[in-house]
Every structure is written in structure tokens, then in C-alpha cells.
Amino acid sequence: MRFAAALAALFAIGLSAPAAAQTYVYEVMVEEWVETTSSRFVSPALAEAESHAVAAYGPFRVLGNGRAALVGVTDFHSPRQFAAMLAAYPGIDTLEFVECPGTYDDRANLALGRMIRVAGIAAVVPEGGSVRSGAVELFLAGAERSISDGAEFAVHAWLDDRGMGAHDYAADSPEHAKYLAYYREMGMAADEAARFYAMTNSVPFEDALWLTGEEMRDWVGLERPVPAQQELPRLAYLDLEAGLN
């Protein structure tokens, strides 16, 4: 297990974030970035999701029209909350990743990802959506996936509750195997899973590798979303041939 939920000692580390991002505080052994500024910033995407929500189940918001949104950290309770949401709103077929800092419980997070895949739910990251740390695994679970240009992602190496990181374990250890197996379940070939997993572990636990929407599309083999086609005005033509006869 990556995290010690009961760990009381926390320390703050300034992360290298893209220019458009805010300053984040990292909590040791907790896969979450907490946004902190002198005046708290709320992204337009998050504000819209909260204002349109018709029901809340932990970090999930029901938006109506078959849509739900993820707007917070997942934890031990999230699989149960997700199941309760689908039981109450069985028509949900799309999950929007709006403000997704990560997870407090990695085992529950991977279980939640498998539930998303079994339910056949599409994963969408809208403009302004932020998917970080363990939330990336949840995005991969989408039966169909879509990433807007204005989305952002962040990954980093993991650390377990003994203070050991990904690079402290042998390559063939069960600790690595569970992630590789998960990526394979989510549709990656073995070599693709290995490359993606290596990329997520390419920066230390205390740091973050930030990816644009376009960069993450390249990693997961997605095409750029096609903008909705605007219907062109229909032109009426005068039948001149009839008038000339």
C-alpha cells in the first residue's frame, strides 16, 4: 500500500508547475496536491461542476444527462460511493475529470478504476480539467477516453507506507506487477504498459512531471478531439433555366 493515512507528520514542498497552475503543497505519503494561494482559486470547470450538481457521492458529482464529475480526492470509501451513485443514477455513462488531485488509498483507487471499466463509462477531461497522481489511473479506466487541449496531468513515482519507493523494489516484484497488470487490463500492450509505468516513475515522489493534454494523448494513443461541426447556412438558388425557356 502506498500511503499511511494515519501519518500525522506532513511537510510542504514547492512543486515545479506550469505557468498557468497554482502553487501546491504536497503531503507526505498522501497522493494529493492541495491548492493554496492567498486567495483560493477555483477553476471555472470546478465551479461549473459544483453549480450544476444535482447530487454528491463523496468526490463524485451527478451532473444530469448521463454525466457525473470527479472533483476531489478518492479514498477507501470511494468504490462504495461510486457504486451508490450508479445505483441511484444508472444512466450515467460519462465521467468528467474536473479537479482530481489523487488518492488517499491506492488499493481502493485501483479497485475503483476497475469498476469504472466494468460499468463501461467514458472518461472525459474537459478544458481546464486537472488529473494528477492516482487520478491518472482512474482516467485510464474509461471505456472511451477524451482529453481536451486545455487539460493538464501530473505524475510522479510512488512511495509506500514503509517509506520505500518504486526504485527500491526489484523490477519483477509484486509491487510493480500490480500496476503493470492494471495498465494491461485498461487496454495497453505489455510494452506500452512498461513505457507508461516508467514514465510515471521518472520523477521522485516529492516532485511531479506535468503533461499537457496533447502530451497525455500521445501517451495513451488518443487522437485530438474533433471540434463540433457548425452547420453551414443553406443557400437557395434561383432556377434561371426555367426563366430562360
C-alpha atoms as a PDB file:
ATOM      1  CA  MET A   1       0.000   0.000   0.000  1.00  0.00           C
ATOM      2  CA  ARG A   2       1.438   3.406  -0.945  1.00  0.00           C
ATOM      3  CA  PHE A   3       0.148   5.575   1.851  1.00  0.00           C
ATOM      4  CA  ALA A   4      -0.116   5.800   5.618  1.00  0.00           C
ATOM      5  CA  ALA A   5      -3.441   7.531   6.089  1.00  0.00           C
ATOM      6  CA  ALA A   6      -2.842   7.969   9.801  1.00  0.00           C
ATOM      7  CA  LEU A   7       0.538   9.624   9.311  1.00  0.00           C
ATOM      8  CA  ALA A   8       0.482  12.842  11.310  1.00  0.00           C
ATOM      9  CA  ALA A   9       3.753  14.419  10.196  1.00  0.00           C
ATOM     10  CA  LEU A  10       3.343  16.387   6.990  1.00  0.00           C
ATOM     11  CA  PHE A  11       5.741  18.686   5.199  1.00  0.00           C
ATOM     12  CA  ALA A  12       5.274  21.130   2.354  1.00  0.00           C
ATOM     13  CA  ILE A  13       7.325  21.075  -0.832  1.00  0.00           C
ATOM     14  CA  GLY A  14       7.093  23.615  -3.630  1.00  0.00           C
ATOM     15  CA  LEU A  15       6.403  21.813  -6.917  1.00  0.00           C
ATOM     16  CA  SER A  16       7.507  22.837 -10.357  1.00  0.00           C
ATOM     17  CA  ALA A  17       4.184  23.557 -12.030  1.00  0.00           C
ATOM     18  CA  PRO A  18       3.214  25.001 -15.402  1.00  0.00           C
ATOM     19  CA  ALA A  19       2.832  28.748 -15.603  1.00  0.00           C
ATOM     20  CA  ALA A  20      -0.965  28.534 -15.554  1.00  0.00           C
ATOM     21  CA  ALA A  21      -1.020  26.345 -12.440  1.00  0.00           C
ATOM     22  CA  GLN A  22      -1.187  27.499  -8.835  1.00  0.00           C
ATOM     23  CA  THR A  23       1.205  26.677  -6.004  1.00  0.00           C
ATOM     24  CA  TYR A  24       0.662  23.264  -4.470  1.00  0.00           C
ATOM     25  CA  VAL A  25       1.504  21.740  -1.119  1.00  0.00           C
ATOM     26  CA  TYR A  26       2.488  18.091  -1.102  1.00  0.00           C
ATOM     27  CA  GLU A  27       1.511  15.861   1.799  1.00  0.00           C
ATOM     28  CA  VAL A  28       3.927  13.048   2.604  1.00  0.00           C
ATOM     29  CA  MET A  29       2.524   9.565   1.975  1.00  0.00           C
ATOM     30  CA  VAL A  30      -0.690  11.082   0.647  1.00  0.00           C
ATOM     31  CA  GLU A  31      -1.097  11.234  -3.094  1.00  0.00           C
ATOM     32  CA  GLU A  32      -2.644  14.657  -3.249  1.00  0.00           C
ATOM     33  CA  TRP A  33      -1.806  18.210  -4.147  1.00  0.00           C
ATOM     34  CA  VAL A  34      -3.689  20.803  -2.142  1.00  0.00           C
ATOM     35  CA  GLU A  35      -4.020  24.131  -3.870  1.00  0.00           C
ATOM     36  CA  THR A  36      -3.014  27.039  -1.684  1.00  0.00           C
ATOM     37  CA  THR A  37      -2.845  30.706  -2.547  1.00  0.00           C
ATOM     38  CA  SER A  38      -3.518  33.891  -0.575  1.00  0.00           C
ATOM     39  CA  SER A  39      -6.977  33.929  -2.152  1.00  0.00           C
ATOM     40  CA  ARG A  40      -8.148  30.456  -3.080  1.00  0.00           C
ATOM     41  CA  PHE A  41      -8.551  29.940  -6.807  1.00  0.00           C
ATOM     42  CA  VAL A  42     -11.415  27.830  -8.081  1.00  0.00           C
ATOM     43  CA  SER A  43     -11.175  26.800 -11.703  1.00  0.00           C
ATOM     44  CA  PRO A  44     -14.128  27.623 -13.953  1.00  0.00           C
ATOM     45  CA  ALA A  45     -14.530  23.902 -14.709  1.00  0.00           C
ATOM     46  CA  LEU A  46     -14.800  23.077 -10.994  1.00  0.00           C
ATOM     47  CA  ALA A  47     -17.175  25.962 -10.315  1.00  0.00           C
ATOM     48  CA  GLU A  48     -19.397  24.833 -13.168  1.00  0.00           C
ATOM     49  CA  ALA A  49     -19.452  21.217 -11.980  1.00  0.00           C
ATOM     50  CA  GLU A  50     -20.369  22.226  -8.439  1.00  0.00           C
ATOM     51  CA  SER A  51     -23.063  24.651  -9.569  1.00  0.00           C
ATOM     52  CA  HIS A  52     -24.697  22.080 -11.871  1.00  0.00           C
ATOM     53  CA  ALA A  53     -24.518  19.131  -9.478  1.00  0.00           C
ATOM     54  CA  VAL A  54     -27.833  17.530  -8.587  1.00  0.00           C
ATOM     55  CA  ALA A  55     -26.331  15.041  -6.117  1.00  0.00           C
ATOM     56  CA  ALA A  56     -23.000  14.315  -4.437  1.00  0.00           C
ATOM     57  CA  TYR A  57     -21.388  10.991  -3.549  1.00  0.00           C
ATOM     58  CA  GLY A  58     -18.027  11.601  -1.898  1.00  0.00           C
ATOM     59  CA  PRO A  59     -15.791  13.152  -4.582  1.00  0.00           C
ATOM     60  CA  PHE A  60     -18.369  12.466  -7.310  1.00  0.00           C
ATOM     61  CA  ARG A  61     -20.982  14.920  -8.533  1.00  0.00           C
ATOM     62  CA  VAL A  62     -24.013  13.926 -10.599  1.00  0.00           C
ATOM     63  CA  LEU A  63     -24.500  16.481 -13.381  1.00  0.00           C
ATOM     64  CA  GLY A  64     -27.505  15.019 -15.167  1.00  0.00           C
ATOM     65  CA  ASN A  65     -27.895  13.921 -18.781  1.00  0.00           C
ATOM     66  CA  GLY A  66     -25.854  10.807 -18.121  1.00  0.00           C
ATOM     67  CA  ARG A  67     -22.870  12.743 -16.780  1.00  0.00           C
ATOM     68  CA  ALA A  68     -21.002  12.768 -13.497  1.00  0.00           C
ATOM     69  CA  ALA A  69     -17.818  14.546 -12.436  1.00  0.00           C
ATOM     70  CA  LEU A  70     -14.861  13.712 -10.222  1.00  0.00           C
ATOM     71  CA  VAL A  71     -13.964  16.804  -8.172  1.00  0.00           C
ATOM     72  CA  GLY A  72     -11.815  15.616  -5.276  1.00  0.00           C
ATOM     73  CA  VAL A  73      -9.509  13.047  -3.706  1.00  0.00           C
ATOM     74  CA  THR A  74     -10.534   9.379  -3.706  1.00  0.00           C
ATOM     75  CA  ASP A  75     -10.147   7.233  -0.606  1.00  0.00           C
ATOM     76  CA  PHE A  76     -11.174   3.936   0.981  1.00  0.00           C
ATOM     77  CA  HIS A  77     -14.868   4.861   0.682  1.00  0.00           C
ATOM     78  CA  SER A  78     -14.820   5.895  -2.978  1.00  0.00           C
ATOM     79  CA  PRO A  79     -15.675   2.487  -4.532  1.00  0.00           C
ATOM     80  CA  ARG A  80     -18.747   2.236  -2.305  1.00  0.00           C
ATOM     81  CA  GLN A  81     -19.740   5.831  -3.091  1.00  0.00           C
ATOM     82  CA  PHE A  82     -19.296   5.223  -6.809  1.00  0.00           C
ATOM     83  CA  ALA A  83     -21.485   2.107  -6.608  1.00  0.00           C
ATOM     84  CA  ALA A  84     -24.157   4.032  -4.718  1.00  0.00           C
ATOM     85  CA  MET A  85     -24.133   6.763  -7.364  1.00  0.00           C
ATOM     86  CA  LEU A  86     -24.611   4.273 -10.190  1.00  0.00           C
ATOM     87  CA  ALA A  87     -27.385   2.516  -8.283  1.00  0.00           C
ATOM     88  CA  ALA A  88     -29.248   5.815  -7.890  1.00  0.00           C
ATOM     89  CA  TYR A  89     -28.405   7.104 -11.378  1.00  0.00           C
ATOM     90  CA  PRO A  90     -27.964   4.059 -13.633  1.00  0.00           C
ATOM     91  CA  GLY A  91     -27.990   6.211 -16.756  1.00  0.00           C
ATOM     92  CA  ILE A  92     -24.542   7.691 -16.059  1.00  0.00           C
ATOM     93  CA  ASP A  93     -22.277   6.853 -18.979  1.00  0.00           C
ATOM     94  CA  THR A  94     -19.670   9.641 -18.789  1.00  0.00           C
ATOM     95  CA  LEU A  95     -17.318  10.709 -16.006  1.00  0.00           C
ATOM     96  CA  GLU A  96     -15.715  14.134 -16.342  1.00  0.00           C
ATOM     97  CA  PHE A  97     -12.340  14.569 -14.637  1.00  0.00           C
ATOM     98  CA  VAL A  98     -12.530  18.139 -13.411  1.00  0.00           C
ATOM     99  CA  GLU A  99     -10.381  18.616 -10.295  1.00  0.00           C
ATOM    100  CA  CYS A 100      -8.680  15.319  -9.437  1.00  0.00           C
ATOM    101  CA  PRO A 101      -5.732  15.612  -7.011  1.00  0.00           C
ATOM    102  CA  GLY A 102      -5.142  11.897  -6.472  1.00  0.00           C
ATOM    103  CA  THR A 103      -5.952   9.324  -3.817  1.00  0.00           C
ATOM    104  CA  TYR A 104      -5.544   8.550  -0.131  1.00  0.00           C
ATOM    105  CA  ASP A 105      -5.862   4.795  -0.733  1.00  0.00           C
ATOM    106  CA  ASP A 106      -4.160   3.287  -3.744  1.00  0.00           C
ATOM    107  CA  ARG A 107      -5.722  -0.163  -3.437  1.00  0.00           C
ATOM    108  CA  ALA A 108      -9.208   1.316  -3.323  1.00  0.00           C
ATOM    109  CA  ASN A 109      -8.258   3.582  -6.222  1.00  0.00           C
ATOM    110  CA  LEU A 110      -7.304   0.666  -8.477  1.00  0.00           C
ATOM    111  CA  ALA A 111     -10.499  -1.139  -7.459  1.00  0.00           C
ATOM    112  CA  LEU A 112     -12.462   1.978  -8.385  1.00  0.00           C
ATOM    113  CA  GLY A 113     -10.747   2.090 -11.772  1.00  0.00           C
ATOM    114  CA  ARG A 114     -11.816  -1.476 -12.480  1.00  0.00           C
ATOM    115  CA  MET A 115     -15.393  -0.571 -11.513  1.00  0.00           C
ATOM    116  CA  ILE A 116     -15.359   2.320 -13.989  1.00  0.00           C
ATOM    117  CA  ARG A 117     -14.179  -0.013 -16.746  1.00  0.00           C
ATOM    118  CA  VAL A 118     -16.733  -2.744 -15.933  1.00  0.00           C
ATOM    119  CA  ALA A 119     -19.522  -0.146 -15.983  1.00  0.00           C
ATOM    120  CA  GLY A 120     -18.455   0.923 -19.495  1.00  0.00           C
ATOM    121  CA  ILE A 121     -18.197   4.570 -18.500  1.00  0.00           C
ATOM    122  CA  ALA A 122     -16.384   7.053 -20.733  1.00  0.00           C
ATOM    123  CA  ALA A 123     -13.658   9.252 -19.214  1.00  0.00           C
ATOM    124  CA  VAL A 124     -13.519  12.882 -20.366  1.00  0.00           C
ATOM    125  CA  VAL A 125     -11.077  15.592 -19.293  1.00  0.00           C
ATOM    126  CA  PRO A 126     -12.642  18.929 -20.275  1.00  0.00           C
ATOM    127  CA  GLU A 127     -10.953  22.281 -20.821  1.00  0.00           C
ATOM    128  CA  GLY A 128      -9.354  23.248 -17.529  1.00  0.00           C
ATOM    129  CA  GLY A 129      -9.562  19.710 -16.140  1.00  0.00           C
ATOM    130  CA  SER A 130      -6.681  18.667 -13.886  1.00  0.00           C
ATOM    131  CA  VAL A 131      -5.813  14.979 -13.410  1.00  0.00           C
ATOM    132  CA  ARG A 132      -2.961  14.293 -11.036  1.00  0.00           C
ATOM    133  CA  SER A 133      -1.210  11.378  -9.416  1.00  0.00           C
ATOM    134  CA  GLY A 134      -3.528   8.420  -8.696  1.00  0.00           C
ATOM    135  CA  ALA A 135      -6.365  10.046 -10.647  1.00  0.00           C
ATOM    136  CA  VAL A 136      -4.420   9.241 -13.819  1.00  0.00           C
ATOM    137  CA  GLU A 137      -5.101   5.540 -13.193  1.00  0.00           C
ATOM    138  CA  LEU A 138      -8.809   6.323 -12.973  1.00  0.00           C
ATOM    139  CA  PHE A 139      -8.754   8.190 -16.276  1.00  0.00           C
ATOM    140  CA  LEU A 140      -7.156   5.176 -17.946  1.00  0.00           C
ATOM    141  CA  ALA A 141     -10.179   3.127 -16.854  1.00  0.00           C
ATOM    142  CA  GLY A 142     -12.528   4.941 -19.215  1.00  0.00           C
ATOM    143  CA  ALA A 143     -14.173   2.647 -21.747  1.00  0.00           C
ATOM    144  CA  GLU A 144     -13.710   5.575 -24.118  1.00  0.00           C
ATOM    145  CA  ARG A 145     -11.358   8.469 -23.361  1.00  0.00           C
ATOM    146  CA  SER A 146     -11.178  12.071 -24.457  1.00  0.00           C
ATOM    147  CA  ILE A 147      -8.709  14.811 -23.478  1.00  0.00           C
ATOM    148  CA  SER A 148      -9.186  18.496 -24.271  1.00  0.00           C
ATOM    149  CA  ASP A 149      -6.210  20.640 -25.248  1.00  0.00           C
ATOM    150  CA  GLY A 150      -6.615  22.759 -22.120  1.00  0.00           C
ATOM    151  CA  ALA A 151      -6.355  19.805 -19.724  1.00  0.00           C
ATOM    152  CA  GLU A 152      -3.339  19.082 -17.533  1.00  0.00           C
ATOM    153  CA  PHE A 153      -1.900  15.923 -15.997  1.00  0.00           C
ATOM    154  CA  ALA A 154       0.767  15.267 -13.383  1.00  0.00           C
ATOM    155  CA  VAL A 155       2.542  12.020 -12.482  1.00  0.00           C
ATOM    156  CA  HIS A 156       5.293  11.004 -10.079  1.00  0.00           C
ATOM    157  CA  ALA A 157       6.916   7.932  -8.547  1.00  0.00           C
ATOM    158  CA  TRP A 158       5.088   6.220  -5.708  1.00  0.00           C
ATOM    159  CA  LEU A 159       6.114   5.742  -2.101  1.00  0.00           C
ATOM    160  CA  ASP A 160       4.718   3.075   0.225  1.00  0.00           C
ATOM    161  CA  ASP A 161       3.865   3.243   3.920  1.00  0.00           C
ATOM    162  CA  ARG A 162       7.351   1.986   4.832  1.00  0.00           C
ATOM    163  CA  GLY A 163       8.992   4.891   3.077  1.00  0.00           C
ATOM    164  CA  MET A 164      10.165   2.744   0.173  1.00  0.00           C
ATOM    165  CA  GLY A 165       9.721   3.982  -3.364  1.00  0.00           C
ATOM    166  CA  ALA A 166       9.276   2.428  -6.765  1.00  0.00           C
ATOM    167  CA  HIS A 167      13.029   2.304  -7.338  1.00  0.00           C
ATOM    168  CA  ASP A 168      13.634   0.389  -4.087  1.00  0.00           C
ATOM    169  CA  TYR A 169      11.921  -2.747  -5.404  1.00  0.00           C
ATOM    170  CA  ALA A 170      13.159  -5.292  -7.920  1.00  0.00           C
ATOM    171  CA  ALA A 171      11.732  -4.935 -11.404  1.00  0.00           C
ATOM    172  CA  ASP A 172       9.854  -8.247 -11.096  1.00  0.00           C
ATOM    173  CA  SER A 173       8.400  -7.513  -7.642  1.00  0.00           C
ATOM    174  CA  PRO A 174       4.656  -7.761  -6.891  1.00  0.00           C
ATOM    175  CA  GLU A 175       4.676  -4.038  -6.090  1.00  0.00           C
ATOM    176  CA  HIS A 176       5.454  -3.237  -9.719  1.00  0.00           C
ATOM    177  CA  ALA A 177       3.420  -6.096 -11.152  1.00  0.00           C
ATOM    178  CA  LYS A 178       0.117  -4.790  -9.802  1.00  0.00           C
ATOM    179  CA  TYR A 179       0.426  -1.541 -11.760  1.00  0.00           C
ATOM    180  CA  LEU A 180       1.582  -3.211 -14.934  1.00  0.00           C
ATOM    181  CA  ALA A 181      -1.308  -5.680 -14.659  1.00  0.00           C
ATOM    182  CA  TYR A 182      -3.738  -2.803 -14.183  1.00  0.00           C
ATOM    183  CA  TYR A 183      -2.464  -0.992 -17.267  1.00  0.00           C
ATOM    184  CA  ARG A 184      -2.802  -4.191 -19.277  1.00  0.00           C
ATOM    185  CA  GLU A 185      -6.406  -4.539 -18.062  1.00  0.00           C
ATOM    186  CA  MET A 186      -7.031  -0.994 -19.242  1.00  0.00           C
ATOM    187  CA  GLY A 187      -6.022  -1.947 -22.780  1.00  0.00           C
ATOM    188  CA  MET A 188      -2.281  -1.336 -23.007  1.00  0.00           C
ATOM    189  CA  ALA A 189       0.027  -3.853 -24.626  1.00  0.00           C
ATOM    190  CA  ALA A 190       2.828  -5.145 -22.395  1.00  0.00           C
ATOM    191  CA  ASP A 191       5.448  -2.831 -23.893  1.00  0.00           C
ATOM    192  CA  GLU A 192       3.102   0.157 -23.749  1.00  0.00           C
ATOM    193  CA  ALA A 193       2.321  -0.548 -20.090  1.00  0.00           C
ATOM    194  CA  ALA A 194       6.028  -0.793 -19.280  1.00  0.00           C
ATOM    195  CA  ARG A 195       6.833   2.514 -21.013  1.00  0.00           C
ATOM    196  CA  PHE A 196       3.914   4.322 -19.392  1.00  0.00           C
ATOM    197  CA  TYR A 197       4.786   2.976 -15.942  1.00  0.00           C
ATOM    198  CA  ALA A 198       8.425   4.001 -16.382  1.00  0.00           C
ATOM    199  CA  MET A 199       7.291   7.484 -17.358  1.00  0.00           C
ATOM    200  CA  THR A 200       5.173   7.846 -14.203  1.00  0.00           C
ATOM    201  CA  ASN A 201       8.182   6.831 -12.112  1.00  0.00           C
ATOM    202  CA  SER A 202      10.612   9.120 -13.937  1.00  0.00           C
ATOM    203  CA  VAL A 203      10.373  11.846 -11.286  1.00  0.00           C
ATOM    204  CA  PRO A 204      10.677  11.440  -7.490  1.00  0.00           C
ATOM    205  CA  PHE A 205       7.674  11.088  -5.217  1.00  0.00           C
ATOM    206  CA  GLU A 206       8.279  14.611  -3.906  1.00  0.00           C
ATOM    207  CA  ASP A 207       8.199  16.100  -7.408  1.00  0.00           C
ATOM    208  CA  ALA A 208       5.858  15.974 -10.389  1.00  0.00           C
ATOM    209  CA  LEU A 209       6.074  15.617 -14.147  1.00  0.00           C
ATOM    210  CA  TRP A 210       3.453  17.861 -15.721  1.00  0.00           C
ATOM    211  CA  LEU A 211       1.935  16.892 -19.054  1.00  0.00           C
ATOM    212  CA  THR A 212      -0.318  18.842 -21.377  1.00  0.00           C
ATOM    213  CA  GLY A 213      -3.465  17.346 -22.806  1.00  0.00           C
ATOM    214  CA  GLU A 214      -1.667  16.804 -26.105  1.00  0.00           C
ATOM    215  CA  GLU A 215       1.246  15.039 -24.403  1.00  0.00           C
ATOM    216  CA  MET A 216      -1.038  12.700 -22.486  1.00  0.00           C
ATOM    217  CA  ARG A 217      -2.983  11.912 -25.672  1.00  0.00           C
ATOM    218  CA  ASP A 218       0.291  10.779 -27.207  1.00  0.00           C
ATOM    219  CA  TRP A 219       0.993   8.507 -24.244  1.00  0.00           C
ATOM    220  CA  VAL A 220      -2.394   6.811 -24.325  1.00  0.00           C
ATOM    221  CA  GLY A 221      -2.830   6.726 -28.102  1.00  0.00           C
ATOM    222  CA  LEU A 222      -5.687   9.190 -28.464  1.00  0.00           C
ATOM    223  CA  GLU A 223      -6.430  11.444 -31.393  1.00  0.00           C
ATOM    224  CA  ARG A 224      -7.108  15.134 -30.928  1.00  0.00           C
ATOM    225  CA  PRO A 225     -10.834  15.723 -30.325  1.00  0.00           C
ATOM    226  CA  VAL A 226     -12.675  16.822 -33.439  1.00  0.00           C
ATOM    227  CA  PRO A 227     -14.486  20.142 -32.830  1.00  0.00           C
ATOM    228  CA  ALA A 228     -18.228  20.027 -33.233  1.00  0.00           C
ATOM    229  CA  GLN A 229     -19.093  20.934 -36.791  1.00  0.00           C
ATOM    230  CA  GLN A 230     -21.177  24.065 -37.156  1.00  0.00           C
ATOM    231  CA  GLU A 231     -23.994  23.686 -39.622  1.00  0.00           C
ATOM    232  CA  LEU A 232     -23.365  25.922 -42.608  1.00  0.00           C
ATOM    233  CA  PRO A 233     -26.211  28.158 -43.796  1.00  0.00           C
ATOM    234  CA  ARG A 234     -28.220  26.613 -46.595  1.00  0.00           C
ATOM    235  CA  LEU A 235     -28.256  28.587 -49.812  1.00  0.00           C
ATOM    236  CA  ALA A 236     -31.272  28.794 -52.073  1.00  0.00           C
ATOM    237  CA  TYR A 237     -30.563  29.052 -55.789  1.00  0.00           C
ATOM    238  CA  LEU A 238     -32.837  30.692 -58.309  1.00  0.00           C
ATOM    239  CA  ASP A 239     -33.787  28.347 -61.171  1.00  0.00           C
ATOM    240  CA  LEU A 240     -32.623  30.567 -64.015  1.00  0.00           C
ATOM    241  CA  GLU A 241     -33.038  27.833 -66.593  1.00  0.00           C
ATOM    242  CA  ALA A 242     -36.788  27.812 -66.149  1.00  0.00           C
ATOM    243  CA  GLY A 243     -36.947  31.591 -66.664  1.00  0.00           C
ATOM    244  CA  LEU A 244     -34.881  31.459 -69.847  1.00  0.00           C
ATOM    245  CA  ASN A 245     -37.066  28.932 -71.636  1.00  0.00           C
END
